[in-house]
Amino acid sequence: MDGLGVTVVEFLINAVRAYIYAGLLFSAVFVIFFIQRVDSDAAGWNIGFRLVILPGLCVFWPMFVTRLIRGKQRPTERNAHRIAAARHQPVEGGSV
């Protein structure tokens, strides 16, 4: 492998390493202090649950940063059934 190839591979490895380290740092702080702001059901869970979700938080930390900044709670599922149900809501006082 030539010098440029080695440089590119080293850069990619360092970028992935920085992403994982940032994820670990965010995840540790998020699990301890902020998880109940994003998911109110997680407020009473013990340390075992928080350790189990830590790897996923390390990978998907940008999504959780966005949700934390926007102050969003659990996302509403958007599928074909919910979209169709929203279109066909009954008129007040009428029948379906």
C-alpha atoms as a PDB file:
ATOM      1  CA  MET A   1       0.000   0.000   0.000  1.00  0.00           C
ATOM      2  CA  ASP A   2       1.365   3.404  -0.892  1.00  0.00           C
ATOM      3  CA  GLY A   3       1.738   6.370   1.442  1.00  0.00           C
ATOM      4  CA  LEU A   4      -1.561   7.946   0.433  1.00  0.00           C
ATOM      5  CA  GLY A   5      -3.496   4.736   1.077  1.00  0.00           C
ATOM      6  CA  VAL A   6      -1.968   4.378   4.531  1.00  0.00           C
ATOM      7  CA  THR A   7      -2.793   8.007   5.299  1.00  0.00           C
ATOM      8  CA  VAL A   8      -6.424   7.560   4.232  1.00  0.00           C
ATOM      9  CA  VAL A   9      -6.830   4.379   6.290  1.00  0.00           C
ATOM     10  CA  GLU A  10      -5.242   6.026   9.348  1.00  0.00           C
ATOM     11  CA  PHE A  11      -7.575   8.999   8.953  1.00  0.00           C
ATOM     12  CA  LEU A  12     -10.631   6.737   8.750  1.00  0.00           C
ATOM     13  CA  ILE A  13      -9.552   4.749  11.792  1.00  0.00           C
ATOM     14  CA  ASN A  14      -8.988   7.950  13.770  1.00  0.00           C
ATOM     15  CA  ALA A  15     -12.377   9.333  12.657  1.00  0.00           C
ATOM     16  CA  VAL A  16     -14.176   6.175  13.814  1.00  0.00           C
ATOM     17  CA  ARG A  17     -12.211   6.221  17.061  1.00  0.00           C
ATOM     18  CA  ALA A  18     -13.187   9.864  17.697  1.00  0.00           C
ATOM     19  CA  TYR A  19     -16.849   9.053  16.939  1.00  0.00           C
ATOM     20  CA  ILE A  20     -16.839   6.166  19.448  1.00  0.00           C
ATOM     21  CA  TYR A  21     -15.049   8.219  22.130  1.00  0.00           C
ATOM     22  CA  ALA A  22     -17.544  11.058  21.669  1.00  0.00           C
ATOM     23  CA  GLY A  23     -20.328   8.479  21.905  1.00  0.00           C
ATOM     24  CA  LEU A  24     -18.905   7.038  25.123  1.00  0.00           C
ATOM     25  CA  LEU A  25     -18.590  10.468  26.689  1.00  0.00           C
ATOM     26  CA  PHE A  26     -22.110  11.508  25.660  1.00  0.00           C
ATOM     27  CA  SER A  27     -23.597   8.154  26.669  1.00  0.00           C
ATOM     28  CA  ALA A  28     -22.148   8.248  30.163  1.00  0.00           C
ATOM     29  CA  VAL A  29     -23.505  11.738  30.795  1.00  0.00           C
ATOM     30  CA  PHE A  30     -26.830  11.006  29.073  1.00  0.00           C
ATOM     31  CA  VAL A  31     -27.501   7.782  30.994  1.00  0.00           C
ATOM     32  CA  ILE A  32     -26.775   9.418  34.336  1.00  0.00           C
ATOM     33  CA  PHE A  33     -28.471  12.801  33.933  1.00  0.00           C
ATOM     34  CA  PHE A  34     -30.666  13.176  30.852  1.00  0.00           C
ATOM     35  CA  ILE A  35     -32.337   9.886  29.924  1.00  0.00           C
ATOM     36  CA  GLN A  36     -35.562  10.767  31.744  1.00  0.00           C
ATOM     37  CA  ARG A  37     -35.909  13.942  29.636  1.00  0.00           C
ATOM     38  CA  VAL A  38     -36.066  11.888  26.444  1.00  0.00           C
ATOM     39  CA  ASP A  39     -37.891   8.831  27.811  1.00  0.00           C
ATOM     40  CA  SER A  40     -39.907   9.336  30.973  1.00  0.00           C
ATOM     41  CA  ASP A  41     -40.393   5.570  31.393  1.00  0.00           C
ATOM     42  CA  ALA A  42     -36.643   5.116  31.941  1.00  0.00           C
ATOM     43  CA  ALA A  43     -36.577   7.300  35.068  1.00  0.00           C
ATOM     44  CA  GLY A  44     -36.948   4.499  37.615  1.00  0.00           C
ATOM     45  CA  TRP A  45     -34.727   1.882  35.998  1.00  0.00           C
ATOM     46  CA  ASN A  46     -31.605   0.595  37.714  1.00  0.00           C
ATOM     47  CA  ILE A  47     -27.973   0.512  36.637  1.00  0.00           C
ATOM     48  CA  GLY A  48     -28.385  -2.798  34.774  1.00  0.00           C
ATOM     49  CA  PHE A  49     -30.793  -1.283  32.267  1.00  0.00           C
ATOM     50  CA  ARG A  50     -28.556   1.730  31.794  1.00  0.00           C
ATOM     51  CA  LEU A  51     -25.536  -0.496  31.102  1.00  0.00           C
ATOM     52  CA  VAL A  52     -27.506  -2.509  28.554  1.00  0.00           C
ATOM     53  CA  ILE A  53     -28.478   0.569  26.513  1.00  0.00           C
ATOM     54  CA  LEU A  54     -24.970   2.084  26.659  1.00  0.00           C
ATOM     55  CA  PRO A  55     -23.615   0.374  23.473  1.00  0.00           C
ATOM     56  CA  GLY A  56     -26.615   1.506  21.437  1.00  0.00           C
ATOM     57  CA  LEU A  57     -26.235   5.032  22.735  1.00  0.00           C
ATOM     58  CA  CYS A  58     -22.559   5.013  21.735  1.00  0.00           C
ATOM     59  CA  VAL A  59     -23.519   4.225  18.154  1.00  0.00           C
ATOM     60  CA  PHE A  60     -26.651   6.366  17.800  1.00  0.00           C
ATOM     61  CA  TRP A  61     -25.547   9.290  19.981  1.00  0.00           C
ATOM     62  CA  PRO A  62     -26.114  11.995  17.295  1.00  0.00           C
ATOM     63  CA  MET A  63     -29.810  11.071  17.160  1.00  0.00           C
ATOM     64  CA  PHE A  64     -30.111  11.324  20.946  1.00  0.00           C
ATOM     65  CA  VAL A  65     -28.245  14.643  21.021  1.00  0.00           C
ATOM     66  CA  THR A  66     -30.763  15.990  18.508  1.00  0.00           C
ATOM     67  CA  ARG A  67     -33.722  14.696  20.507  1.00  0.00           C
ATOM     68  CA  LEU A  68     -32.249  16.106  23.715  1.00  0.00           C
ATOM     69  CA  ILE A  69     -31.662  19.544  22.188  1.00  0.00           C
ATOM     70  CA  ARG A  70     -35.123  19.668  20.632  1.00  0.00           C
ATOM     71  CA  GLY A  71     -36.682  18.489  23.872  1.00  0.00           C
ATOM     72  CA  LYS A  72     -38.611  15.703  22.180  1.00  0.00           C
ATOM     73  CA  GLN A  73     -40.129  12.839  24.073  1.00  0.00           C
ATOM     74  CA  ARG A  74     -40.771   9.450  22.483  1.00  0.00           C
ATOM     75  CA  PRO A  75     -41.277   9.672  18.729  1.00  0.00           C
ATOM     76  CA  THR A  76     -44.748   8.952  17.355  1.00  0.00           C
ATOM     77  CA  GLU A  77     -44.721   5.899  15.165  1.00  0.00           C
ATOM     78  CA  ARG A  78     -45.595   6.796  11.585  1.00  0.00           C
ATOM     79  CA  ASN A  79     -46.866   3.834   9.597  1.00  0.00           C
ATOM     80  CA  ALA A  80     -49.583   3.143   7.017  1.00  0.00           C
ATOM     81  CA  HIS A  81     -52.185   2.261   9.642  1.00  0.00           C
ATOM     82  CA  ARG A  82     -51.749   5.507  11.621  1.00  0.00           C
ATOM     83  CA  ILE A  83     -51.720   7.616   8.449  1.00  0.00           C
ATOM     84  CA  ALA A  84     -54.953   6.000   7.207  1.00  0.00           C
ATOM     85  CA  ALA A  85     -56.585   6.350  10.629  1.00  0.00           C
ATOM     86  CA  ALA A  86     -55.715  10.053  10.726  1.00  0.00           C
ATOM     87  CA  ARG A  87     -57.374  10.569   7.328  1.00  0.00           C
ATOM     88  CA  HIS A  88     -60.595   8.827   8.354  1.00  0.00           C
ATOM     89  CA  GLN A  89     -61.318  10.345  11.745  1.00  0.00           C
ATOM     90  CA  PRO A  90     -65.049  10.421  12.494  1.00  0.00           C
ATOM     91  CA  VAL A  91     -66.904  13.706  12.400  1.00  0.00           C
ATOM     92  CA  GLU A  92     -67.976  14.934  15.820  1.00  0.00           C
ATOM     93  CA  GLY A  93     -71.476  13.654  16.626  1.00  0.00           C
ATOM     94  CA  GLY A  94     -71.635  11.520  13.485  1.00  0.00           C
ATOM     95  CA  SER A  95     -71.035   7.898  12.696  1.00  0.00           C
ATOM     96  CA  VAL A  96     -68.164   6.268  10.878  1.00  0.00           C
END
